Amino acid sequence: MTEMPTAKKFFTYVLPLLLWMALIFPVWNRALGSSRIYETFADVFRWLLPHASRHALDVSYIVLRKTLHFFEYGFLAFLFYRAFRAGQKPLWSKKTGVQAVAAAVAYGFTDEYLQSFVPNRVGSPFDWAVDTAGIVTVIALLSWAGGRPHPGPHSRPGRALFLKRPFDILLSGFGLLVSIPLWVVIPLAVRLEDRGPVFYAQERVGRNGLIFKALKFRSMVKDAETESGPVQAVARDPRVTRVGRILRATAMDELPQLVNILKGDMSFVGPRALRPNEREVTGGGAAVPLTAIPGYARRHLVRPGLTGLAQVYLPGEAPRRKKFRCDLLYIRNRSFWLDLKLIGLSFWITFRGKWESREPKV
């Protein structure tokens, strides 16, 4: 294997770690402890639960802060492990894992010690315990993922699989936490429009053809597929409700699928999860089973994704044959950095409300 140049190794593995370490204490933790952040949280909390006590407010804020600490130090452990491994060592090494835990725990202890020099603050053994729990959890996940069979350890797909599942767990857990207000507003809007059910569980085809139930906020009228069967929605589909149009344009109807990602049914990035027995209606009006389209079986070698190459770069009404080619291209070239790029582009599309656009989304 060709040795990576020192400069590239530094920018790829060491610099992200140093930047994260520089942000944790002077920026992130101090921001969470500021009165302004607390007041903003209190305003949202009182709006959602106007009759809750002050004690409940304080406890909720502590839970929020400690949960964020859990994730921030878990990510720190991941960056330490990645830096110590530097792309050259085996995907999982017990020695490197122990080194990463020791370094991250030592940094957490230093963080708590430095707080004794901040006015009106003091280090907390409980905080350090929460930080350590996040660190150990992530290293345990890396150990579990690194011990599973996967392609060659130094291949691009191998590296992608090694990082993918721990990243999915961390990001989906964090996403569920920060999206709590949306879990109040969206169900209320869906319910008020037509008094129908809020959630919609669809059978989808997962990795290796296994069927799972994908959760969604309902965006269509009740019993929308009674006559047509499982057919993909089209532009100006009359089955889509007014609230549903907003949800689909921003992809907020798929927010509950964070639960599916956390469970392991899905990943953040991958081919779109298809319906069993789903058909594509051709220009001539004929309904073609998706199983008859080339590439259908191969795309199920990986977990389906909330977003992906086809979802980002192709319009929703693109032919399935074209989408499947994009899916196979992703499977051949998948990497952790490609996943990050597609996730970033997906947030940009959501921010602009372009998921249902027939024009280029990015």
Protein backbone atom coordinates (compact mmCIF):
# COMPACT_ATOMS: atom_id res chain seq x y z
CA MET A 1 0.00 0.00 0.00
CA THR A 2 1.34 3.44 -0.96
CA GLU A 3 2.31 5.62 2.01
CA MET A 4 0.16 8.72 2.31
CA PRO A 5 2.12 12.00 2.14
CA THR A 6 2.65 13.56 5.57
CA ALA A 7 0.86 16.80 4.66
CA LYS A 8 -2.20 14.95 3.36
CA LYS A 9 -2.23 12.72 6.44
CA PHE A 10 -2.19 15.81 8.68
CA PHE A 11 -5.06 17.56 6.89
CA THR A 12 -7.11 14.36 6.60
CA TYR A 13 -6.68 12.85 10.07
CA VAL A 14 -5.04 15.28 12.50
CA LEU A 15 -6.51 18.68 11.63
CA PRO A 16 -10.20 17.65 12.10
CA LEU A 17 -9.27 16.31 15.55
CA LEU A 18 -7.46 19.51 16.54
CA LEU A 19 -10.33 21.71 15.34
CA TRP A 20 -12.89 19.66 17.27
CA MET A 21 -10.76 19.79 20.44
CA ALA A 22 -10.41 23.55 20.01
CA LEU A 23 -14.18 23.96 19.70
CA ILE A 24 -15.40 21.73 22.55
CA PHE A 25 -14.44 23.78 25.58
CA PRO A 26 -13.97 27.40 24.46
CA VAL A 27 -17.01 27.47 22.15
CA TRP A 28 -19.43 24.55 22.43
CA ASN A 29 -19.50 23.87 26.17
CA ARG A 30 -19.41 27.54 27.11
CA ALA A 31 -22.28 28.24 24.69
CA LEU A 32 -24.38 25.48 26.29
CA GLY A 33 -23.72 27.04 29.70
CA SER A 34 -24.68 30.57 28.62
CA SER A 35 -27.80 32.23 29.97
CA ARG A 36 -28.96 33.16 26.47
CA ILE A 37 -29.06 29.52 25.31
CA TYR A 38 -30.90 28.56 28.49
CA GLU A 39 -33.46 31.34 28.01
CA THR A 40 -34.09 30.28 24.41
CA PHE A 41 -34.57 26.68 25.52
CA ALA A 42 -36.87 27.85 28.32
CA ASP A 43 -39.03 29.83 25.87
CA VAL A 44 -39.47 26.80 23.60
CA PHE A 45 -40.08 24.49 26.58
CA ARG A 46 -42.78 26.75 28.05
CA TRP A 47 -44.43 27.07 24.64
CA LEU A 48 -44.61 23.29 24.29
CA LEU A 49 -45.47 22.58 27.97
CA PRO A 50 -47.01 25.74 29.42
CA HIS A 51 -48.05 24.07 32.69
CA ALA A 52 -44.73 22.35 33.45
CA SER A 53 -42.88 23.31 36.62
CA ARG A 54 -39.57 25.15 36.82
CA HIS A 55 -38.00 21.96 38.16
CA ALA A 56 -39.13 20.08 35.03
CA LEU A 57 -37.62 22.84 32.89
CA ASP A 58 -34.27 22.64 34.68
CA VAL A 59 -34.18 18.85 34.52
CA SER A 60 -35.01 18.89 30.79
CA TYR A 61 -32.21 21.36 30.11
CA ILE A 62 -29.75 19.23 32.05
CA VAL A 63 -30.81 16.16 30.06
CA LEU A 64 -30.33 18.10 26.82
CA ARG A 65 -26.88 19.33 27.81
CA LYS A 66 -25.67 15.95 29.03
CA THR A 67 -26.97 14.22 25.90
CA LEU A 68 -25.09 16.68 23.72
CA HIS A 69 -21.97 16.12 25.86
CA PHE A 70 -22.38 12.37 25.31
CA PHE A 71 -22.37 12.82 21.53
CA GLU A 72 -19.63 15.47 21.40
CA TYR A 73 -17.18 13.30 23.35
CA GLY A 74 -18.21 10.21 21.42
CA PHE A 75 -17.28 12.03 18.23
CA LEU A 76 -14.02 13.11 19.86
CA ALA A 77 -13.17 9.45 20.54
CA PHE A 78 -13.97 8.61 16.92
CA LEU A 79 -11.60 11.37 15.70
CA PHE A 80 -8.85 10.20 18.06
CA TYR A 81 -9.20 6.62 16.82
CA ARG A 82 -9.17 7.79 13.22
CA ALA A 83 -6.06 9.94 13.81
CA PHE A 84 -4.17 7.15 15.57
CA ARG A 85 -5.08 4.72 12.80
CA ALA A 86 -4.18 7.27 10.06
CA GLY A 87 -5.54 5.04 7.30
CA GLN A 88 -2.63 2.61 7.57
CA LYS A 89 -3.48 0.22 10.40
CA PRO A 90 -6.21 -2.46 10.33
CA LEU A 91 -9.80 -1.21 10.49
CA TRP A 92 -10.08 -2.41 14.08
CA SER A 93 -7.21 -2.64 16.55
CA LYS A 94 -7.72 -3.13 20.29
CA LYS A 95 -4.51 -1.22 21.03
CA THR A 96 -5.62 1.78 18.96
CA GLY A 97 -9.06 1.67 20.57
CA VAL A 98 -7.55 1.77 24.07
CA GLN A 99 -5.30 4.65 23.05
CA ALA A 100 -8.29 6.58 21.68
CA VAL A 101 -10.27 6.03 24.89
CA ALA A 102 -7.34 7.11 27.05
CA ALA A 103 -6.71 10.27 25.03
CA ALA A 104 -10.38 11.28 24.89
CA VAL A 105 -10.96 10.61 28.61
CA ALA A 106 -7.82 12.60 29.47
CA TYR A 107 -9.13 15.51 27.39
CA GLY A 108 -12.50 15.27 29.16
CA PHE A 109 -10.74 15.38 32.54
CA THR A 110 -8.71 18.41 31.41
CA ASP A 111 -11.93 20.11 30.32
CA GLU A 112 -13.48 19.61 33.76
CA TYR A 113 -10.27 20.78 35.47
CA LEU A 114 -10.09 23.97 33.38
CA GLN A 115 -13.63 24.84 34.42
CA SER A 116 -12.36 25.44 37.97
CA PHE A 117 -10.69 28.58 36.59
CA VAL A 118 -13.95 29.91 35.09
CA PRO A 119 -15.91 32.26 37.39
CA ASN A 120 -19.04 30.67 38.91
CA ARG A 121 -18.24 27.25 37.44
CA VAL A 122 -16.65 24.10 38.78
CA GLY A 123 -15.68 20.76 37.29
CA SER A 124 -18.15 17.92 37.82
CA PRO A 125 -17.35 14.19 38.19
CA PHE A 126 -20.85 13.49 36.84
CA ASP A 127 -20.08 15.47 33.66
CA TRP A 128 -16.87 13.51 33.23
CA ALA A 129 -18.81 10.25 33.66
CA VAL A 130 -21.24 11.29 30.91
CA ASP A 131 -18.34 12.24 28.62
CA THR A 132 -16.64 8.92 29.31
CA ALA A 133 -19.85 7.00 28.59
CA GLY A 134 -20.04 8.62 25.14
CA ILE A 135 -16.38 7.82 24.49
CA VAL A 136 -16.66 4.16 25.48
CA THR A 137 -19.91 3.72 23.55
CA VAL A 138 -18.40 4.94 20.28
CA ILE A 139 -15.25 2.84 20.66
CA ALA A 140 -17.46 -0.19 21.38
CA LEU A 141 -19.42 0.54 18.19
CA LEU A 142 -16.18 0.84 16.23
CA SER A 143 -15.07 -2.50 17.64
CA TRP A 144 -18.38 -4.09 16.67
CA ALA A 145 -18.34 -2.60 13.16
CA GLY A 146 -14.67 -3.43 12.63
CA GLY A 147 -15.22 -7.06 13.57
CA ARG A 148 -17.96 -7.64 11.00
CA PRO A 149 -17.12 -9.17 7.60
CA HIS A 150 -16.81 -6.55 4.86
CA PRO A 151 -14.79 -5.91 1.71
CA GLY A 152 -11.00 -5.58 1.84
CA PRO A 153 -9.95 -3.39 4.80
CA HIS A 154 -8.12 -0.86 2.65
CA SER A 155 -10.72 -0.67 -0.12
CA ARG A 156 -12.98 2.35 -0.35
CA PRO A 157 -16.16 0.29 0.30
CA GLY A 158 -14.40 -1.31 3.28
CA ARG A 159 -13.62 2.06 4.85
CA ALA A 160 -17.15 3.26 4.14
CA LEU A 161 -18.74 0.27 5.89
CA PHE A 162 -16.41 0.64 8.87
CA LEU A 163 -17.47 4.24 9.51
CA LYS A 164 -21.02 4.13 8.21
CA ARG A 165 -22.94 2.38 10.98
CA PRO A 166 -21.37 4.21 13.95
CA PHE A 167 -21.95 7.50 12.12
CA ASP A 168 -25.59 6.56 11.41
CA ILE A 169 -26.19 5.80 15.09
CA LEU A 170 -24.63 9.04 16.31
CA LEU A 171 -26.29 11.30 13.73
CA SER A 172 -29.76 9.72 13.96
CA GLY A 173 -29.69 9.93 17.77
CA PHE A 174 -28.61 13.56 17.60
CA GLY A 175 -31.21 14.28 14.89
CA LEU A 176 -34.03 12.82 17.00
CA LEU A 177 -32.94 14.96 19.92
CA VAL A 178 -32.76 18.31 18.12
CA SER A 179 -35.95 17.68 16.09
CA ILE A 180 -38.18 17.31 19.16
CA PRO A 181 -40.11 20.55 18.38
CA LEU A 182 -40.92 19.25 14.87
CA TRP A 183 -42.39 16.09 16.39
CA VAL A 184 -44.96 18.35 18.05
CA VAL A 185 -45.72 20.79 15.21
CA ILE A 186 -45.91 18.37 12.27
CA PRO A 187 -48.31 15.81 13.82
CA LEU A 188 -50.55 18.68 14.92
CA ALA A 189 -50.67 20.11 11.37
CA VAL A 190 -51.32 16.70 9.79
CA ARG A 191 -54.08 15.92 12.28
CA LEU A 192 -55.82 19.27 11.93
CA GLU A 193 -56.06 19.12 8.13
CA ASP A 194 -58.29 16.07 7.74
CA ARG A 195 -58.46 14.37 11.19
CA GLY A 196 -56.69 11.36 9.72
CA PRO A 197 -53.78 9.37 11.19
CA VAL A 198 -50.49 11.19 11.73
CA PHE A 199 -48.06 8.38 10.94
CA TYR A 200 -47.93 6.04 8.00
CA ALA A 201 -45.96 2.78 8.15
CA GLN A 202 -44.96 1.41 4.75
CA GLU A 203 -43.41 -1.92 3.97
CA ARG A 204 -40.05 -1.38 2.28
CA VAL A 205 -37.36 -3.67 0.89
CA GLY A 206 -34.13 -3.46 2.87
CA ARG A 207 -30.67 -4.95 2.62
CA ASN A 208 -30.60 -8.49 1.23
CA GLY A 209 -34.28 -8.18 0.32
CA LEU A 210 -35.54 -8.18 3.92
CA ILE A 211 -38.83 -6.37 4.46
CA PHE A 212 -39.12 -3.71 7.16
CA LYS A 213 -41.66 -1.05 8.13
CA ALA A 214 -40.55 2.48 7.23
CA LEU A 215 -42.17 5.23 9.31
CA LYS A 216 -43.36 8.48 7.72
CA PHE A 217 -45.55 11.42 8.55
CA ARG A 218 -48.66 10.97 6.40
CA SER A 219 -48.52 13.27 3.36
CA MET A 220 -51.38 11.78 1.31
CA VAL A 221 -55.09 11.38 1.88
CA LYS A 222 -56.16 8.39 3.91
CA ASP A 223 -56.26 5.09 1.94
CA ALA A 224 -54.53 6.83 -1.00
CA GLU A 225 -53.41 3.55 -2.60
CA THR A 226 -56.57 1.51 -2.21
CA GLU A 227 -57.26 1.54 -5.96
CA SER A 228 -53.85 2.18 -7.54
CA GLY A 229 -51.64 -0.02 -5.35
CA PRO A 230 -48.01 0.94 -4.58
CA VAL A 231 -47.25 3.58 -7.24
CA GLN A 232 -44.78 6.46 -6.82
CA ALA A 233 -46.27 9.93 -6.45
CA VAL A 234 -46.01 12.25 -9.46
CA ALA A 235 -45.98 16.04 -9.83
CA ARG A 236 -49.24 17.64 -8.63
CA ASP A 237 -50.46 14.25 -7.42
CA PRO A 238 -54.07 14.74 -6.26
CA ARG A 239 -53.54 12.27 -3.43
CA VAL A 240 -51.10 14.62 -1.65
CA THR A 241 -52.62 16.88 1.02
CA ARG A 242 -51.82 20.59 1.44
CA VAL A 243 -49.68 19.91 4.50
CA GLY A 244 -48.22 16.94 2.66
CA ARG A 245 -46.95 19.16 -0.16
CA ILE A 246 -44.91 21.17 2.32
CA LEU A 247 -43.65 18.03 4.03
CA ARG A 248 -42.63 16.40 0.76
CA ALA A 249 -40.93 19.54 -0.58
CA THR A 250 -38.75 19.71 2.54
CA ALA A 251 -38.52 15.92 3.07
CA MET A 252 -39.96 16.42 6.57
CA ASP A 253 -42.42 13.59 5.92
CA GLU A 254 -39.44 11.24 6.22
CA LEU A 255 -38.25 12.59 9.57
CA PRO A 256 -39.59 9.50 11.46
CA GLN A 257 -37.21 7.37 9.41
CA LEU A 258 -34.49 8.51 11.80
CA VAL A 259 -35.95 5.76 13.99
CA ASN A 260 -35.40 3.25 11.16
CA ILE A 261 -31.79 4.44 10.83
CA LEU A 262 -31.20 4.09 14.56
CA LYS A 263 -32.62 0.55 14.45
CA GLY A 264 -30.42 -0.41 11.50
CA ASP A 265 -33.15 -0.86 8.88
CA MET A 266 -31.74 2.07 6.90
CA SER A 267 -28.69 4.28 6.57
CA PHE A 268 -28.49 8.03 6.00
CA VAL A 269 -27.09 7.49 2.50
CA GLY A 270 -27.92 4.70 0.10
CA PRO A 271 -30.38 3.65 -2.62
CA ARG A 272 -33.96 4.68 -1.94
CA ALA A 273 -35.98 2.03 -0.09
CA LEU A 274 -38.53 0.58 -2.51
CA ARG A 275 -41.97 -0.86 -1.86
CA PRO A 276 -42.52 -4.61 -2.30
CA ASN A 277 -44.29 -5.27 -5.60
CA GLU A 278 -43.92 -1.60 -6.58
CA ARG A 279 -44.51 -0.80 -10.24
CA GLU A 280 -43.41 1.96 -12.58
CA VAL A 281 -45.98 3.43 -14.94
CA THR A 282 -44.36 4.01 -18.34
CA GLY A 283 -45.17 6.76 -20.80
CA GLY A 284 -47.53 4.40 -22.62
CA GLY A 285 -49.51 3.76 -19.43
CA ALA A 286 -48.21 0.22 -18.85
CA ALA A 287 -47.24 -0.76 -15.29
CA VAL A 288 -43.83 -2.46 -15.19
CA PRO A 289 -42.67 -4.35 -12.04
CA LEU A 290 -39.49 -2.83 -10.64
CA THR A 291 -38.01 -6.32 -10.31
CA ALA A 292 -37.86 -6.43 -14.13
CA ILE A 293 -35.60 -3.36 -14.34
CA PRO A 294 -31.84 -4.08 -14.56
CA GLY A 295 -29.95 -3.36 -11.35
CA TYR A 296 -32.90 -4.01 -9.02
CA ALA A 297 -31.31 -6.91 -7.13
CA ARG A 298 -27.78 -5.46 -6.84
CA ARG A 299 -28.99 -2.26 -5.19
CA HIS A 300 -30.20 -4.37 -2.24
CA LEU A 301 -26.65 -5.41 -1.35
CA VAL A 302 -26.50 -2.34 0.94
CA ARG A 303 -28.87 -0.67 3.38
CA PRO A 304 -31.33 1.71 1.72
CA GLY A 305 -30.80 5.38 2.49
CA LEU A 306 -32.74 8.42 3.53
CA THR A 307 -30.86 10.24 0.77
CA GLY A 308 -28.48 9.19 -1.96
CA LEU A 309 -26.93 9.89 -5.33
CA ALA A 310 -30.16 9.37 -7.28
CA GLN A 311 -32.28 11.29 -4.76
CA VAL A 312 -29.97 14.33 -4.86
CA TYR A 313 -29.08 14.56 -8.54
CA LEU A 314 -32.14 13.19 -10.35
CA PRO A 315 -35.71 14.55 -10.42
CA GLY A 316 -38.33 12.46 -8.67
CA GLU A 317 -39.96 11.47 -11.97
CA ALA A 318 -36.75 10.21 -13.58
CA PRO A 319 -37.08 6.68 -15.03
CA ARG A 320 -36.22 3.92 -12.57
CA ARG A 321 -33.64 2.52 -14.97
CA LYS A 322 -31.71 5.82 -14.68
CA LYS A 323 -32.11 5.90 -10.88
CA PHE A 324 -30.87 2.33 -10.56
CA ARG A 325 -27.75 3.23 -12.56
CA CYS A 326 -27.05 6.01 -10.05
CA ASP A 327 -27.58 3.56 -7.18
CA LEU A 328 -25.06 1.11 -8.65
CA LEU A 329 -22.60 3.96 -9.24
CA TYR A 330 -22.90 4.89 -5.55
CA ILE A 331 -22.36 1.29 -4.42
CA ARG A 332 -19.16 1.04 -6.50
CA ASN A 333 -17.75 4.37 -5.29
CA ARG A 334 -19.16 4.76 -1.78
CA SER A 335 -16.96 6.35 0.84
CA PHE A 336 -17.41 8.18 4.10
CA TRP A 337 -16.63 11.51 2.45
CA LEU A 338 -19.10 10.90 -0.38
CA ASP A 339 -21.76 10.23 2.27
CA LEU A 340 -20.91 13.51 4.03
CA LYS A 341 -21.15 15.39 0.73
CA LEU A 342 -24.57 13.90 -0.09
CA ILE A 343 -25.85 14.62 3.43
CA GLY A 344 -24.68 18.25 3.13
CA LEU A 345 -26.36 18.64 -0.26
CA SER A 346 -29.54 17.08 1.15
CA PHE A 347 -29.70 19.66 3.94
CA TRP A 348 -29.27 22.39 1.32
CA ILE A 349 -32.15 20.97 -0.76
CA THR A 350 -34.34 20.74 2.36
CA PHE A 351 -33.51 24.33 3.32
CA ARG A 352 -34.59 25.49 -0.16
CA GLY A 353 -37.66 23.20 -0.26
CA LYS A 354 -36.60 21.69 -3.60
CA TRP A 355 -37.17 17.98 -3.09
CA GLU A 356 -40.29 17.97 -5.28
CA SER A 357 -38.77 20.29 -7.91
CA ARG A 358 -38.67 19.06 -11.51
CA GLU A 359 -35.62 21.28 -12.10
CA PRO A 360 -32.08 20.40 -10.89
CA LYS A 361 -32.07 20.40 -7.08
CA VAL A 362 -28.40 21.37 -6.66
